[in-house]
C-alpha atoms as a PDB file:
ATOM      1  CA  MET A   1      -0.319  -0.076   0.338  1.00  0.00           C
ATOM      2  CA  LYS A   2       1.139   3.642  -0.717  1.00  0.00           C
ATOM      3  CA  LYS A   3       0.290   6.452   1.319  1.00  0.00           C
ATOM      4  CA  GLU A   4       0.928  10.320   0.908  1.00  0.00           C
ATOM      5  CA  PHE A   5       1.491  12.760   3.687  1.00  0.00           C
ATOM      6  CA  PRO A   6       1.782  16.589   2.841  1.00  0.00           C
ATOM      7  CA  THR A   7       3.477  17.336   5.996  1.00  0.00           C
ATOM      8  CA  LYS A   8       6.077  15.962   8.618  1.00  0.00           C
ATOM      9  CA  GLU A   9       3.114  16.315  11.530  1.00  0.00           C
ATOM     10  CA  GLU A  10       0.785  14.373   9.285  1.00  0.00           C
ATOM     11  CA  LEU A  11       3.648  11.743   8.986  1.00  0.00           C
ATOM     12  CA  LEU A  12       4.544  11.621  12.406  1.00  0.00           C
ATOM     13  CA  LYS A  13       0.760  11.399  13.514  1.00  0.00           C
ATOM     14  CA  TRP A  14       0.375   8.171  11.406  1.00  0.00           C
ATOM     15  CA  LEU A  15       3.722   6.349  12.477  1.00  0.00           C
ATOM     16  CA  LYS A  16       2.158   6.843  16.391  1.00  0.00           C
ATOM     17  CA  LYS A  17      -1.415   4.846  15.501  1.00  0.00           C
ATOM     18  CA  ALA A  18       0.140   2.362  12.555  1.00  0.00           C
ATOM     19  CA  THR A  19       1.083  -0.047  15.083  1.00  0.00           C
ATOM     20  CA  SER A  20       0.892  -3.198  12.261  1.00  0.00           C
ATOM     21  CA  ALA A  21       2.421  -2.006   9.393  1.00  0.00           C
ATOM     22  CA  VAL A  22       5.634  -3.116   7.995  1.00  0.00           C
ATOM     23  CA  LEU A  23       7.219  -0.703   6.300  1.00  0.00           C
ATOM     24  CA  LEU A  24       8.745  -0.799   2.902  1.00  0.00           C
ATOM     25  CA  SER A  25       9.974   3.189   2.358  1.00  0.00           C
ATOM     26  CA  ILE A  26       9.690   6.309   3.005  1.00  0.00           C
ATOM     27  CA  SER A  27      10.707   8.980   0.686  1.00  0.00           C
ATOM     28  CA  LEU A  28      10.629  13.120   0.999  1.00  0.00           C
ATOM     29  CA  ILE A  29       9.078  14.638  -2.063  1.00  0.00           C
ATOM     30  CA  GLY A  30      11.377  17.083  -3.673  1.00  0.00           C
ATOM     31  CA  GLY A  31      14.002  17.301  -0.680  1.00  0.00           C
ATOM     32  CA  VAL A  32      17.341  17.905  -0.917  1.00  0.00           C
ATOM     33  CA  SER A  33      18.843  15.330   1.579  1.00  0.00           C
ATOM     34  CA  GLU A  34      17.965  11.614   1.822  1.00  0.00           C
ATOM     35  CA  VAL A  35      16.240  10.248   4.880  1.00  0.00           C
ATOM     36  CA  TYR A  36      16.412   6.514   4.872  1.00  0.00           C
ATOM     37  CA  PHE A  37      14.795   4.310   7.666  1.00  0.00           C
ATOM     38  CA  GLN A  38      15.136   0.852   8.130  1.00  0.00           C
ATOM     39  CA  ALA A  39      13.299  -0.114  11.093  1.00  0.00           C
ATOM     40  CA  SER A  40      10.591  -3.575  12.097  1.00  0.00           C
ATOM     41  CA  SER A  41       7.986  -1.379  12.222  1.00  0.00           C
ATOM     42  CA  ALA A  42       6.244   1.781  11.950  1.00  0.00           C
ATOM     43  CA  ARG A  43       6.108   2.047  16.009  1.00  0.00           C
ATOM     44  CA  ALA A  44      10.216   1.281  15.765  1.00  0.00           C
ATOM     45  CA  LEU A  45      10.385   4.251  13.575  1.00  0.00           C
ATOM     46  CA  ASN A  46       8.124   6.593  15.587  1.00  0.00           C
ATOM     47  CA  GLU A  47      10.611   5.942  18.908  1.00  0.00           C
ATOM     48  CA  VAL A  48      13.549   6.569  16.661  1.00  0.00           C
ATOM     49  CA  SER A  49      11.937   9.876  15.174  1.00  0.00           C
ATOM     50  CA  GLN A  50      11.387  11.137  18.597  1.00  0.00           C
ATOM     51  CA  LEU A  51      14.497  10.527  19.871  1.00  0.00           C
ATOM     52  CA  SER A  52      16.413  12.504  16.365  1.00  0.00           C
ATOM     53  CA  PRO A  53      13.448  14.967  15.200  1.00  0.00           C
ATOM     54  CA  GLU A  54      16.070  16.168  13.063  1.00  0.00           C
ATOM     55  CA  TYR A  55      16.171  13.151  10.879  1.00  0.00           C
ATOM     56  CA  VAL A  56      12.384  13.901   9.909  1.00  0.00           C
ATOM     57  CA  SER A  57      12.721  16.831   7.677  1.00  0.00           C
ATOM     58  CA  GLU A  58       9.618  19.384   6.943  1.00  0.00           C
ATOM     59  CA  GLY A  59       7.939  18.530   3.509  1.00  0.00           C
ATOM     60  CA  SER A  60       5.450  15.764   2.095  1.00  0.00           C
ATOM     61  CA  TYR A  61       6.291  12.360   2.596  1.00  0.00           C
ATOM     62  CA  VAL A  62       5.344   8.870   0.470  1.00  0.00           C
ATOM     63  CA  VAL A  63       5.204   5.848   2.501  1.00  0.00           C
ATOM     64  CA  GLU A  64       4.856   2.694   1.019  1.00  0.00           C
ATOM     65  CA  TYR A  65       3.741  -0.220   3.885  1.00  0.00           C
ATOM     66  CA  GLU A  66       1.939  -3.633   3.893  1.00  0.00           C
ATOM     67  CA  GLU A  67      -0.295  -4.465   6.708  1.00  0.00           C
ATOM     68  CA  SER A  68       0.897  -7.180   9.649  1.00  0.00           C
ATOM     69  CA  GLU A  69      -0.903  -9.890  11.049  1.00  0.00           C
ATOM     70  CA  GLU A  70       0.937  -8.756  13.963  1.00  0.00           C
ATOM     71  CA  ASP A  71       0.085  -5.852  16.760  1.00  0.00           C
ATOM     72  CA  ASN A  72       3.656  -4.553  17.255  1.00  0.00           C
ATOM     73  CA  ASP A  73       1.739  -2.047  20.370  1.00  0.00           C
ATOM     74  CA  THR A  74       2.779  -4.256  22.736  1.00  0.00           C
ATOM     75  CA  GLU A  75       6.826  -4.581  22.100  1.00  0.00           C
ATOM     76  CA  GLU A  76       9.143  -3.368  24.064  1.00  0.00           C
ATOM     77  CA  LEU A  77      11.528  -0.983  22.587  1.00  0.00           C
ATOM     78  CA  ASN A  78      14.431   0.005  23.949  1.00  0.00           C
ATOM     79  CA  TYR A  79      16.053   2.683  22.419  1.00  0.00           C
ATOM     80  CA  THR A  80      18.089   4.519  25.079  1.00  0.00           C
ATOM     81  CA  SER A  81      20.985   2.053  23.513  1.00  0.00           C
ATOM     82  CA  ILE A  82      21.426   3.693  20.251  1.00  0.00           C
ATOM     83  CA  ALA A  83      24.715   4.110  18.066  1.00  0.00           C
ATOM     84  CA  THR A  84      25.994   7.079  16.412  1.00  0.00           C
ATOM     85  CA  ALA A  85      28.092   6.740  13.115  1.00  0.00           C
ATOM     86  CA  PHE A  86      29.373   9.943  10.747  1.00  0.00           C
ATOM     87  CA  THR A  87      30.358   8.976   7.194  1.00  0.00           C
ATOM     88  CA  PHE A  88      30.990  10.492   3.922  1.00  0.00           C
ATOM     89  CA  GLN A  89      31.424  10.274   0.224  1.00  0.00           C
ATOM     90  CA  ALA A  90      33.044  12.452  -1.987  1.00  0.00           C
ATOM     91  CA  ARG A  91      35.476  12.993  -5.391  1.00  0.00           C
ATOM     92  CA  LEU A  92      39.023  14.200  -4.951  1.00  0.00           C
ATOM     93  CA  ALA A  93      39.036  17.275  -6.585  1.00  0.00           C
ATOM     94  CA  LYS A  94      42.589  16.357  -8.391  1.00  0.00           C
ATOM     95  CA  HIS A  95      41.468  12.611  -9.266  1.00  0.00           C
ATOM     96  CA  PRO A  96      37.945  12.780  -9.968  1.00  0.00           C
ATOM     97  CA  GLU A  97      37.935   9.314 -11.156  1.00  0.00           C
ATOM     98  CA  LYS A  98      38.744   8.388  -7.174  1.00  0.00           C
ATOM     99  CA  ILE A  99      35.980   8.101  -4.945  1.00  0.00           C
ATOM    100  CA  ILE A 100      36.744   8.245  -0.679  1.00  0.00           C
ATOM    101  CA  GLY A 101      34.450   7.524   2.185  1.00  0.00           C
ATOM    102  CA  GLY A 102      32.267   4.801   3.279  1.00  0.00           C
ATOM    103  CA  LEU A 103      28.818   5.745   2.842  1.00  0.00           C
ATOM    104  CA  ASP A 104      27.805   3.167   0.456  1.00  0.00           C
ATOM    105  CA  SER A 105      29.617   0.202   1.869  1.00  0.00           C
ATOM    106  CA  LEU A 106      28.581   1.267   5.405  1.00  0.00           C
ATOM    107  CA  ARG A 107      24.684   1.131   4.688  1.00  0.00           C
ATOM    108  CA  ALA A 108      25.101  -1.764   2.647  1.00  0.00           C
ATOM    109  CA  SER A 109      26.850  -3.523   5.637  1.00  0.00           C
ATOM    110  CA  LEU A 110      23.791  -2.535   8.049  1.00  0.00           C
ATOM    111  CA  SER A 111      21.306  -4.170   6.080  1.00  0.00           C
ATOM    112  CA  ASP A 112      20.810  -6.650   9.459  1.00  0.00           C
ATOM    113  CA  TYR A 113      20.272  -3.758  11.846  1.00  0.00           C
ATOM    114  CA  GLU A 114      17.910  -1.192  12.297  1.00  0.00           C
ATOM    115  CA  TYR A 115      19.065   2.330  11.685  1.00  0.00           C
ATOM    116  CA  THR A 116      18.464   5.661  10.378  1.00  0.00           C
ATOM    117  CA  ALA A 117      20.430   7.739   7.948  1.00  0.00           C
ATOM    118  CA  LYS A 118      20.344  11.274   6.881  1.00  0.00           C
ATOM    119  CA  ILE A 119      22.189  12.212   3.819  1.00  0.00           C
ATOM    120  CA  GLU A 120      22.946  15.800   2.635  1.00  0.00           C
ATOM    121  CA  LEU A 121      24.509  16.415  -0.539  1.00  0.00           C
ATOM    122  CA  GLU A 122      26.907  18.844   0.691  1.00  0.00           C
ATOM    123  CA  GLU A 123      29.684  21.117  -2.124  1.00  0.00           C
ATOM    124  CA  SER A 124      32.208  18.455  -0.981  1.00  0.00           C
ATOM    125  CA  GLY A 125      29.986  15.467  -1.229  1.00  0.00           C
ATOM    126  CA  TYR A 126      27.633  13.548   0.612  1.00  0.00           C
ATOM    127  CA  VAL A 127      27.934  13.207   3.902  1.00  0.00           C
ATOM    128  CA  GLY A 128      25.679  10.929   6.355  1.00  0.00           C
ATOM    129  CA  HIS A 129      24.699  10.869  10.111  1.00  0.00           C
ATOM    130  CA  LEU A 130      23.415   7.269  11.057  1.00  0.00           C
ATOM    131  CA  LEU A 131      21.797   5.822  13.999  1.00  0.00           C
ATOM    132  CA  ILE A 132      21.832   2.802  14.764  1.00  0.00           C
ATOM    133  CA  VAL A 133      19.895   0.369  17.437  1.00  0.00           C
ATOM    134  CA  ILE A 134      22.472  -1.542  19.404  1.00  0.00           C
ATOM    135  CA  PRO A 135      21.460  -5.455  19.199  1.00  0.00           C
ATOM    136  CA  ALA A 136      21.343  -7.508  22.277  1.00  0.00           C
ATOM    137  CA  SER A 137      23.276 -10.635  20.560  1.00  0.00           C
ATOM    138  CA  PRO A 138      26.703 -10.346  21.516  1.00  0.00           C
ATOM    139  CA  GLU A 139      27.848 -11.620  18.424  1.00  0.00           C
ATOM    140  CA  GLU A 140      25.959  -8.677  16.333  1.00  0.00           C
ATOM    141  CA  LEU A 141      27.394  -5.841  18.907  1.00  0.00           C
ATOM    142  CA  GLU A 142      30.702  -7.366  18.402  1.00  0.00           C
ATOM    143  CA  THR A 143      30.092  -7.330  14.482  1.00  0.00           C
ATOM    144  CA  LEU A 144      28.428  -3.788  14.416  1.00  0.00           C
ATOM    145  CA  LYS A 145      31.595  -2.446  16.568  1.00  0.00           C
ATOM    146  CA  GLU A 146      33.752  -3.685  13.798  1.00  0.00           C
ATOM    147  CA  THR A 147      31.180  -2.814  10.456  1.00  0.00           C
ATOM    148  CA  LEU A 148      31.345   0.886  12.187  1.00  0.00           C
ATOM    149  CA  HIS A 149      35.882   0.961  12.800  1.00  0.00           C
ATOM    150  CA  SER A 150      35.989  -0.019   9.291  1.00  0.00           C
ATOM    151  CA  LEU A 151      33.274   1.997   7.242  1.00  0.00           C
ATOM    152  CA  SER A 152      32.726   5.405   9.254  1.00  0.00           C
ATOM    153  CA  ILE A 153      34.469   8.313  10.028  1.00  0.00           C
ATOM    154  CA  ALA A 154      33.793   8.446  13.614  1.00  0.00           C
ATOM    155  CA  TYR A 155      31.571   6.493  15.778  1.00  0.00           C
ATOM    156  CA  ILE A 156      30.103   6.515  19.377  1.00  0.00           C
ATOM    157  CA  PHE A 157      28.727   3.591  21.467  1.00  0.00           C
ATOM    158  CA  PRO A 158      26.724   5.365  24.811  1.00  0.00           C
ATOM    159  CA  ASP A 159      28.018   4.773  27.909  1.00  0.00           C
ATOM    160  CA  GLY A 160      25.706   5.567  30.632  1.00  0.00           C
ATOM    161  CA  THR A 161      26.879   9.037  31.091  1.00  0.00           C
ATOM    162  CA  GLY A 162      24.414  10.656  28.731  1.00  0.00           C
ATOM    163  CA  THR A 163      27.338  12.261  26.701  1.00  0.00           C
ATOM    164  CA  ILE A 164      30.011  12.265  24.014  1.00  0.00           C
ATOM    165  CA  ASN A 165      33.480  11.721  25.383  1.00  0.00           C
ATOM    166  CA  GLN A 166      36.616  10.644  25.022  1.00  0.00           C
ATOM    167  CA  SER A 167      35.791   6.909  26.358  1.00  0.00           C
ATOM    168  CA  ASN A 168      32.646   6.074  23.609  1.00  0.00           C
ATOM    169  CA  MET A 169      33.603   8.444  20.284  1.00  0.00           C
ATOM    170  CA  LYS A 170      36.164   6.392  18.346  1.00  0.00           C
ATOM    171  CA  MET A 171      37.281   7.370  15.151  1.00  0.00           C
ATOM    172  CA  GLY A 172      37.104   4.407  12.202  1.00  0.00           C
ATOM    173  CA  ARG A 173      39.045   3.989   9.023  1.00  0.00           C
ATOM    174  CA  GLY A 174      36.217   4.870   6.712  1.00  0.00           C
ATOM    175  CA  ILE A 175      37.439   7.792   4.829  1.00  0.00           C
ATOM    176  CA  TRP A 176      39.384   4.848   2.720  1.00  0.00           C
ATOM    177  CA  ALA A 177      36.756   2.559   3.054  1.00  0.00           C
END
């Protein structure tokens, strides 16, 4: 099914009520930035959008979704455990055939995780800011850490302080990814 929302507010209002929808895609119509959501349910996306409202820009949206038999309203969401990653993609000025940055690789590697991404076209290229739900499985958590270290330029895992500090912000190797 496809549904259009003329404003950001109407989209957010629908997300709060759509507990049994499986989201396929959300597109900002005519926007200059790309907003990408990969969430298991409308409710999960609503939780993430409440945490970081800057991800949902002003404008009109088109949502593609399927109805689900399950009601996700009872699922417990813990979005206090969200990792943040910064990435980019750009062409070198003196070597335009050379692309640097791990934006595309990072998004492909996160296909099994729930996350949101805001990707903006800047003068020098694309800049991405991603919020990734930290998995409960220790193996998946370790894989996520390795992925963010390899493909982002910087990443943050929460440490319980509620701040960004030297203990929880790490530099990645994503410039040459």
